């Protein structure tokens, strides 16, 4: 059940990140889900590094959205010249 919940949170977080950040965004539905899931994982590891989360804790919904926005912003910077 945890994997399904992660996918659903990833879908919503990726969709919100795409709505907040303008510009040409990658892929469709699958990419949105992957972006949200990766954003959640990135936010979790960043939170562990900074000390916001302890071992076994994961980033919440807002952290997943911020992580997805961060990854989408990096994508925009990497593909800006192409």
PDB file of N, CA and C in Angstrom:
ATOM      1  N   UNK A   1       0.826  -1.193   0.000  1.00  0.00           N
ATOM      2  CA  UNK A   1       0.000   0.000   0.000  1.00  0.00           C
ATOM      3  C   UNK A   1       0.874   1.261   0.000  1.00  0.00           C
ATOM      4  N   UNK A   2       2.063   1.173   0.597  1.00  0.00           N
ATOM      5  CA  UNK A   2       2.957   2.326   0.659  1.00  0.00           C
ATOM      6  C   UNK A   2       3.379   2.778  -0.737  1.00  0.00           C
ATOM      7  N   UNK A   3       3.614   1.827  -1.636  1.00  0.00           N
ATOM      8  CA  UNK A   3       4.041   2.166  -2.995  1.00  0.00           C
ATOM      9  C   UNK A   3       2.926   2.888  -3.740  1.00  0.00           C
ATOM     10  N   UNK A   4       1.696   2.425  -3.589  1.00  0.00           N
ATOM     11  CA  UNK A   4       0.558   3.091  -4.241  1.00  0.00           C
ATOM     12  C   UNK A   4       0.396   4.504  -3.715  1.00  0.00           C
ATOM     13  N   UNK A   5       0.519   4.679  -2.408  1.00  0.00           N
ATOM     14  CA  UNK A   5       0.411   6.014  -1.803  1.00  0.00           C
ATOM     15  C   UNK A   5       1.525   6.923  -2.321  1.00  0.00           C
ATOM     16  N   UNK A   6       2.736   6.405  -2.455  1.00  0.00           N
ATOM     17  CA  UNK A   6       3.863   7.182  -2.971  1.00  0.00           C
ATOM     18  C   UNK A   6       3.605   7.615  -4.411  1.00  0.00           C
ATOM     19  N   UNK A   7       3.051   6.721  -5.228  1.00  0.00           N
ATOM     20  CA  UNK A   7       2.752   7.056  -6.619  1.00  0.00           C
ATOM     21  C   UNK A   7       1.677   8.135  -6.692  1.00  0.00           C
ATOM     22  N   UNK A   8       0.645   8.024  -5.863  1.00  0.00           N
ATOM     23  CA  UNK A   8      -0.419   9.030  -5.869  1.00  0.00           C
ATOM     24  C   UNK A   8       0.096  10.398  -5.419  1.00  0.00           C
ATOM     25  N   UNK A   9       0.900  10.426  -4.379  1.00  0.00           N
ATOM     26  CA  UNK A   9       1.494  11.688  -3.915  1.00  0.00           C
ATOM     27  C   UNK A   9       2.424  12.236  -4.996  1.00  0.00           C
ATOM     28  N   UNK A  10       3.186  11.367  -5.644  1.00  0.00           N
ATOM     29  CA  UNK A  10       4.080  11.787  -6.722  1.00  0.00           C
ATOM     30  C   UNK A  10       3.325  12.382  -7.889  1.00  0.00           C
ATOM     31  N   UNK A  11       2.197  11.797  -8.230  1.00  0.00           N
ATOM     32  CA  UNK A  11       1.378  12.321  -9.321  1.00  0.00           C
ATOM     33  C   UNK A  11       0.900  13.730  -9.015  1.00  0.00           C
ATOM     34  N   UNK A  12       0.353  13.917  -7.841  1.00  0.00           N
ATOM     35  CA  UNK A  12      -0.171  15.231  -7.470  1.00  0.00           C
ATOM     36  C   UNK A  12       0.965  16.246  -7.319  1.00  0.00           C
ATOM     37  N   UNK A  13       2.062  15.848  -6.684  1.00  0.00           N
ATOM     38  CA  UNK A  13       3.190  16.759  -6.495  1.00  0.00           C
ATOM     39  C   UNK A  13       3.800  17.163  -7.833  1.00  0.00           C
ATOM     40  N   UNK A  14       3.955  16.220  -8.744  1.00  0.00           N
ATOM     41  CA  UNK A  14       4.487  16.533 -10.072  1.00  0.00           C
ATOM     42  C   UNK A  14       3.567  17.454 -10.852  1.00  0.00           C
ATOM     43  N   UNK A  15       2.258  17.219 -10.761  1.00  0.00           N
ATOM     44  CA  UNK A  15       1.290  18.073 -11.464  1.00  0.00           C
ATOM     45  C   UNK A  15       1.311  19.493 -10.927  1.00  0.00           C
ATOM     46  N   UNK A  16       1.395  19.633  -9.619  1.00  0.00           N
ATOM     47  CA  UNK A  16       1.449  20.973  -9.019  1.00  0.00           C
ATOM     48  C   UNK A  16       2.736  21.679  -9.408  1.00  0.00           C
ATOM     49  N   UNK A  17       3.852  20.949  -9.409  1.00  0.00           N
ATOM     50  CA  UNK A  17       5.132  21.547  -9.809  1.00  0.00           C
ATOM     51  C   UNK A  17       5.077  22.028 -11.250  1.00  0.00           C
ATOM     52  N   UNK A  18       4.432  21.252 -12.131  1.00  0.00           N
ATOM     53  CA  UNK A  18       4.306  21.657 -13.533  1.00  0.00           C
ATOM     54  C   UNK A  18       3.426  22.893 -13.673  1.00  0.00           C
ATOM     55  N   UNK A  19       2.396  23.011 -12.834  1.00  0.00           N
ATOM     56  CA  UNK A  19       1.527  24.183 -12.901  1.00  0.00           C
ATOM     57  C   UNK A  19       2.223  25.434 -12.383  1.00  0.00           C
ATOM     58  N   UNK A  20       3.059  25.281 -11.362  1.00  0.00           N
ATOM     59  CA  UNK A  20       3.720  26.441 -10.743  1.00  0.00           C
ATOM     60  C   UNK A  20       4.853  26.965 -11.618  1.00  0.00           C
ATOM     61  N   UNK A  21       5.657  26.070 -12.182  1.00  0.00           N
ATOM     62  CA  UNK A  21       6.796  26.485 -12.999  1.00  0.00           C
ATOM     63  C   UNK A  21       6.394  26.539 -14.470  1.00  0.00           C
ATOM     64  N   UNK A  22       6.419  27.719 -15.060  1.00  0.00           N
ATOM     65  CA  UNK A  22       6.058  27.822 -16.478  1.00  0.00           C
ATOM     66  C   UNK A  22       7.181  27.324 -17.373  1.00  0.00           C
ATOM     67  N   UNK A  23       6.853  27.138 -18.629  1.00  0.00           N
ATOM     68  CA  UNK A  23       7.860  26.731 -19.600  1.00  0.00           C
ATOM     69  C   UNK A  23       7.557  25.376 -20.182  1.00  0.00           C
ATOM     70  N   UNK A  24       8.425  24.951 -21.088  1.00  0.00           N
ATOM     71  CA  UNK A  24       8.266  23.655 -21.722  1.00  0.00           C
ATOM     72  C   UNK A  24       8.651  22.574 -20.731  1.00  0.00           C
ATOM     73  N   UNK A  25       7.702  21.729 -20.394  1.00  0.00           N
ATOM     74  CA  UNK A  25       7.927  20.696 -19.388  1.00  0.00           C
ATOM     75  C   UNK A  25       8.093  19.335 -20.047  1.00  0.00           C
ATOM     76  N   UNK A  26       8.848  18.441 -19.400  1.00  0.00           N
ATOM     77  CA  UNK A  26       9.099  17.132 -19.994  1.00  0.00           C
ATOM     78  C   UNK A  26       7.898  16.210 -19.899  1.00  0.00           C
ATOM     79  N   UNK A  27       7.718  15.388 -20.912  1.00  0.00           N
ATOM     80  CA  UNK A  27       6.815  14.259 -20.895  1.00  0.00           C
ATOM     81  C   UNK A  27       5.375  14.503 -20.536  1.00  0.00           C
ATOM     82  N   UNK A  28       4.678  13.415 -20.354  1.00  0.00           N
ATOM     83  CA  UNK A  28       3.271  13.457 -20.029  1.00  0.00           C
ATOM     84  C   UNK A  28       3.009  12.887 -18.649  1.00  0.00           C
ATOM     85  N   UNK A  29       2.006  12.027 -18.571  1.00  0.00           N
ATOM     86  CA  UNK A  29       1.534  11.481 -17.305  1.00  0.00           C
ATOM     87  C   UNK A  29       2.618  10.719 -16.551  1.00  0.00           C
ATOM     88  N   UNK A  30       3.290   9.809 -17.231  1.00  0.00           N
ATOM     89  CA  UNK A  30       4.315   8.990 -16.575  1.00  0.00           C
ATOM     90  C   UNK A  30       5.458   9.863 -16.077  1.00  0.00           C
ATOM     91  N   UNK A  31       5.878  10.823 -16.886  1.00  0.00           N
ATOM     92  CA  UNK A  31       6.967  11.713 -16.473  1.00  0.00           C
ATOM     93  C   UNK A  31       6.550  12.564 -15.286  1.00  0.00           C
ATOM     94  N   UNK A  32       5.280  12.972 -15.243  1.00  0.00           N
ATOM     95  CA  UNK A  32       4.778  13.747 -14.112  1.00  0.00           C
ATOM     96  C   UNK A  32       4.863  12.936 -12.829  1.00  0.00           C
ATOM     97  N   UNK A  33       4.456  11.686 -12.884  1.00  0.00           N
ATOM     98  CA  UNK A  33       4.521  10.816 -11.708  1.00  0.00           C
ATOM     99  C   UNK A  33       5.967  10.607 -11.277  1.00  0.00           C
ATOM    100  N   UNK A  34       6.834  10.321 -12.240  1.00  0.00           N
ATOM    101  CA  UNK A  34       8.248  10.099 -11.914  1.00  0.00           C
ATOM    102  C   UNK A  34       8.900  11.352 -11.346  1.00  0.00           C
ATOM    103  N   UNK A  35       8.535  12.511 -11.884  1.00  0.00           N
ATOM    104  CA  UNK A  35       9.063  13.771 -11.385  1.00  0.00           C
ATOM    105  C   UNK A  35       8.631  13.997  -9.938  1.00  0.00           C
ATOM    106  N   UNK A  36       7.372  13.734  -9.634  1.00  0.00           N
ATOM    107  CA  UNK A  36       6.878  13.892  -8.267  1.00  0.00           C
ATOM    108  C   UNK A  36       7.519  12.928  -7.291  1.00  0.00           C
ATOM    109  N   UNK A  37       7.667  11.672  -7.703  1.00  0.00           N
ATOM    110  CA  UNK A  37       8.302  10.672  -6.840  1.00  0.00           C
ATOM    111  C   UNK A  37       9.768  11.025  -6.603  1.00  0.00           C
ATOM    112  N   UNK A  38      10.460  11.405  -7.671  1.00  0.00           N
ATOM    113  CA  UNK A  38      11.871  11.799  -7.530  1.00  0.00           C
ATOM    114  C   UNK A  38      11.991  13.052  -6.662  1.00  0.00           C
ATOM    115  N   UNK A  39      11.041  13.966  -6.798  1.00  0.00           N
ATOM    116  CA  UNK A  39      11.047  15.168  -5.965  1.00  0.00           C
ATOM    117  C   UNK A  39      10.860  14.839  -4.500  1.00  0.00           C
ATOM    118  N   UNK A  40       9.996  13.896  -4.219  1.00  0.00           N
ATOM    119  CA  UNK A  40       9.781  13.470  -2.840  1.00  0.00           C
ATOM    120  C   UNK A  40      11.029  12.815  -2.256  1.00  0.00           C
ATOM    121  N   UNK A  41      11.656  11.971  -3.063  1.00  0.00           N
ATOM    122  CA  UNK A  41      12.893  11.309  -2.610  1.00  0.00           C
ATOM    123  C   UNK A  41      13.994  12.345  -2.400  1.00  0.00           C
ATOM    124  N   UNK A  42      14.124  13.290  -3.344  1.00  0.00           N
ATOM    125  CA  UNK A  42      15.138  14.336  -3.217  1.00  0.00           C
ATOM    126  C   UNK A  42      14.891  15.187  -1.982  1.00  0.00           C
ATOM    127  N   UNK A  43      13.635  15.545  -1.729  1.00  0.00           N
ATOM    128  CA  UNK A  43      13.300  16.350  -0.550  1.00  0.00           C
ATOM    129  C   UNK A  43      13.579  15.579   0.735  1.00  0.00           C
ATOM    130  N   UNK A  44      13.334  14.276   0.711  1.00  0.00           N
ATOM    131  CA  UNK A  44      13.602  13.457   1.898  1.00  0.00           C
ATOM    132  C   UNK A  44      15.093  13.435   2.211  1.00  0.00           C
ATOM    133  N   UNK A  45      15.923  13.185   1.182  1.00  0.00           N
ATOM    134  CA  UNK A  45      17.364  13.134   1.419  1.00  0.00           C
ATOM    135  C   UNK A  45      17.927  14.500   1.791  1.00  0.00           C
ATOM    136  N   UNK A  46      17.416  15.546   1.176  1.00  0.00           N
ATOM    137  CA  UNK A  46      17.854  16.888   1.535  1.00  0.00           C
ATOM    138  C   UNK A  46      17.451  17.210   2.973  1.00  0.00           C
ATOM    139  N   UNK A  47      16.243  16.817   3.340  1.00  0.00           N
ATOM    140  CA  UNK A  47      15.776  17.025   4.713  1.00  0.00           C
ATOM    141  C   UNK A  47      16.599  16.254   5.731  1.00  0.00           C
ATOM    142  N   UNK A  48      17.027  15.036   5.376  1.00  0.00           N
ATOM    143  CA  UNK A  48      17.902  14.260   6.267  1.00  0.00           C
ATOM    144  C   UNK A  48      19.250  14.950   6.401  1.00  0.00           C
ATOM    145  N   UNK A  49      19.771  15.462   5.294  1.00  0.00           N
ATOM    146  CA  UNK A  49      21.070  16.121   5.299  1.00  0.00           C
ATOM    147  C   UNK A  49      21.040  17.388   6.156  1.00  0.00           C
ATOM    148  N   UNK A  50      19.984  18.170   6.021  1.00  0.00           N
ATOM    149  CA  UNK A  50      19.857  19.422   6.780  1.00  0.00           C
ATOM    150  C   UNK A  50      19.479  19.160   8.232  1.00  0.00           C
ATOM    151  N   UNK A  51      18.790  18.056   8.489  1.00  0.00           N
ATOM    152  CA  UNK A  51      18.380  17.737   9.845  1.00  0.00           C
ATOM    153  C   UNK A  51      16.904  17.980  10.120  1.00  0.00           C
ATOM    154  N   UNK A  52      16.130  18.203   9.066  1.00  0.00           N
ATOM    155  CA  UNK A  52      14.689  18.413   9.240  1.00  0.00           C
ATOM    156  C   UNK A  52      13.965  17.113   9.535  1.00  0.00           C
ATOM    157  N   UNK A  53      14.427  16.009   8.941  1.00  0.00           N
ATOM    158  CA  UNK A  53      13.800  14.704   9.117  1.00  0.00           C
ATOM    159  C   UNK A  53      14.793  13.762   9.766  1.00  0.00           C
ATOM    160  N   UNK A  54      14.267  12.831  10.543  1.00  0.00           N
ATOM    161  CA  UNK A  54      15.102  11.815  11.181  1.00  0.00           C
ATOM    162  C   UNK A  54      15.027  10.534  10.369  1.00  0.00           C
ATOM    163  N   UNK A  55      15.856   9.570  10.719  1.00  0.00           N
ATOM    164  CA  UNK A  55      15.868   8.292  10.005  1.00  0.00           C
ATOM    165  C   UNK A  55      14.478   7.663  10.046  1.00  0.00           C
ATOM    166  N   UNK A  56      14.029   7.195   8.903  1.00  0.00           N
ATOM    167  CA  UNK A  56      12.715   6.572   8.812  1.00  0.00           C
ATOM    168  C   UNK A  56      11.597   7.535   8.461  1.00  0.00           C
ATOM    169  N   UNK A  57      11.840   8.823   8.537  1.00  0.00           N
ATOM    170  CA  UNK A  57      10.835   9.822   8.172  1.00  0.00           C
ATOM    171  C   UNK A  57      11.024  10.212   6.714  1.00  0.00           C
ATOM    172  N   UNK A  58       9.931  10.528   6.056  1.00  0.00           N
ATOM    173  CA  UNK A  58      10.022  10.986   4.683  1.00  0.00           C
ATOM    174  C   UNK A  58       9.438  12.383   4.587  1.00  0.00           C
ATOM    175  N   UNK A  59       9.735  13.039   3.481  1.00  0.00           N
ATOM    176  CA  UNK A  59       9.220  14.389   3.262  1.00  0.00           C
ATOM    177  C   UNK A  59       7.709  14.327   3.099  1.00  0.00           C
ATOM    178  N   UNK A  60       7.030  15.340   3.565  1.00  0.00           N
ATOM    179  CA  UNK A  60       5.592  15.411   3.418  1.00  0.00           C
ATOM    180  C   UNK A  60       5.206  15.882   2.025  1.00  0.00           C
ATOM    181  N   UNK A  61       3.940  16.181   1.863  1.00  0.00           N
ATOM    182  CA  UNK A  61       3.426  16.581   0.561  1.00  0.00           C
ATOM    183  C   UNK A  61       4.075  17.863   0.073  1.00  0.00           C
ATOM    184  N   UNK A  62       4.206  18.846   0.934  1.00  0.00           N
ATOM    185  CA  UNK A  62       4.821  20.117   0.540  1.00  0.00           C
ATOM    186  C   UNK A  62       6.281  19.899   0.167  1.00  0.00           C
ATOM    187  N   UNK A  63       6.977  19.065   0.911  1.00  0.00           N
ATOM    188  CA  UNK A  63       8.356  18.736   0.575  1.00  0.00           C
ATOM    189  C   UNK A  63       8.460  18.062  -0.780  1.00  0.00           C
ATOM    190  N   UNK A  64       7.498  17.191  -1.103  1.00  0.00           N
ATOM    191  CA  UNK A  64       7.497  16.524  -2.401  1.00  0.00           C
ATOM    192  C   UNK A  64       7.273  17.525  -3.527  1.00  0.00           C
ATOM    193  N   UNK A  65       6.386  18.490  -3.318  1.00  0.00           N
ATOM    194  CA  UNK A  65       6.134  19.511  -4.337  1.00  0.00           C
ATOM    195  C   UNK A  65       7.376  20.376  -4.525  1.00  0.00           C
ATOM    196  N   UNK A  66       8.003  20.786  -3.428  1.00  0.00           N
ATOM    197  CA  UNK A  66       9.211  21.609  -3.524  1.00  0.00           C
ATOM    198  C   UNK A  66      10.328  20.825  -4.203  1.00  0.00           C
ATOM    199  N   UNK A  67      10.489  19.558  -3.867  1.00  0.00           N
ATOM    200  CA  UNK A  67      11.499  18.725  -4.517  1.00  0.00           C
ATOM    201  C   UNK A  67      11.238  18.572  -6.003  1.00  0.00           C
ATOM    202  N   UNK A  68       9.974  18.370  -6.382  1.00  0.00           N
ATOM    203  CA  UNK A  68       9.623  18.251  -7.797  1.00  0.00           C
ATOM    204  C   UNK A  68       9.875  19.566  -8.524  1.00  0.00           C
ATOM    205  N   UNK A  69       9.576  20.686  -7.880  1.00  0.00           N
ATOM    206  CA  UNK A  69       9.847  21.997  -8.485  1.00  0.00           C
ATOM    207  C   UNK A  69      11.347  22.192  -8.670  1.00  0.00           C
ATOM    208  N   UNK A  70      12.125  21.768  -7.703  1.00  0.00           N
ATOM    209  CA  UNK A  70      13.576  21.873  -7.795  1.00  0.00           C
ATOM    210  C   UNK A  70      14.097  21.057  -8.983  1.00  0.00           C
ATOM    211  N   UNK A  71      13.630  19.836  -9.124  1.00  0.00           N
ATOM    212  CA  UNK A  71      14.065  18.995 -10.235  1.00  0.00           C
ATOM    213  C   UNK A  71      13.599  19.553 -11.579  1.00  0.00           C
ATOM    214  N   UNK A  72      12.394  20.079 -11.627  1.00  0.00           N
ATOM    215  CA  UNK A  72      11.891  20.674 -12.863  1.00  0.00           C
ATOM    216  C   UNK A  72      12.685  21.930 -13.213  1.00  0.00           C
ATOM    217  N   UNK A  73      13.051  22.728 -12.209  1.00  0.00           N
ATOM    218  CA  UNK A  73      13.889  23.901 -12.445  1.00  0.00           C
ATOM    219  C   UNK A  73      15.256  23.528 -12.977  1.00  0.00           C
ATOM    220  N   UNK A  74      15.836  22.468 -12.430  1.00  0.00           N
ATOM    221  CA  UNK A  74      17.129  21.981 -12.923  1.00  0.00           C
ATOM    222  C   UNK A  74      16.994  21.507 -14.368  1.00  0.00           C
ATOM    223  N   UNK A  75      15.897  20.849 -14.688  1.00  0.00           N
ATOM    224  CA  UNK A  75      15.650  20.413 -16.060  1.00  0.00           C
ATOM    225  C   UNK A  75      15.585  21.615 -16.996  1.00  0.00           C
ATOM    226  N   UNK A  76      14.874  22.667 -16.576  1.00  0.00           N
ATOM    227  CA  UNK A  76      14.768  23.874 -17.405  1.00  0.00           C
ATOM    228  C   UNK A  76      16.140  24.510 -17.636  1.00  0.00           C
ATOM    229  N   UNK A  77      16.961  24.558 -16.599  1.00  0.00           N
ATOM    230  CA  UNK A  77      18.297  25.137 -16.751  1.00  0.00           C
ATOM    231  C   UNK A  77      19.181  24.279 -17.664  1.00  0.00           C
ATOM    232  N   UNK A  78      19.046  22.958 -17.549  1.00  0.00           N
ATOM    233  CA  UNK A  78      19.873  22.070 -18.354  1.00  0.00           C
ATOM    234  C   UNK A  78      19.491  22.096 -19.828  1.00  0.00           C
ATOM    235  N   UNK A  79      18.239  22.343 -20.135  1.00  0.00           N
ATOM    236  CA  UNK A  79      17.781  22.324 -21.528  1.00  0.00           C
ATOM    237  C   UNK A  79      17.494  23.723 -22.065  1.00  0.00           C
ATOM    238  N   UNK A  80      17.968  24.733 -21.390  1.00  0.00           N
ATOM    239  CA  UNK A  80      17.677  26.119 -21.787  1.00  0.00           C
ATOM    240  C   UNK A  80      18.257  26.445 -23.156  1.00  0.00           C
ATOM    241  N   UNK A  81      19.438  26.007 -23.463  1.00  0.00           N
ATOM    242  CA  UNK A  81      20.100  26.358 -24.724  1.00  0.00           C
ATOM    243  C   UNK A  81      19.696  25.469 -25.887  1.00  0.00           C
ATOM    244  N   UNK A  82      19.065  24.356 -25.625  1.00  0.00           N
ATOM    245  CA  UNK A  82      18.705  23.453 -26.727  1.00  0.00           C
ATOM    246  C   UNK A  82      17.303  23.672 -27.227  1.00  0.00           C
TER     247      UNK A  82
END
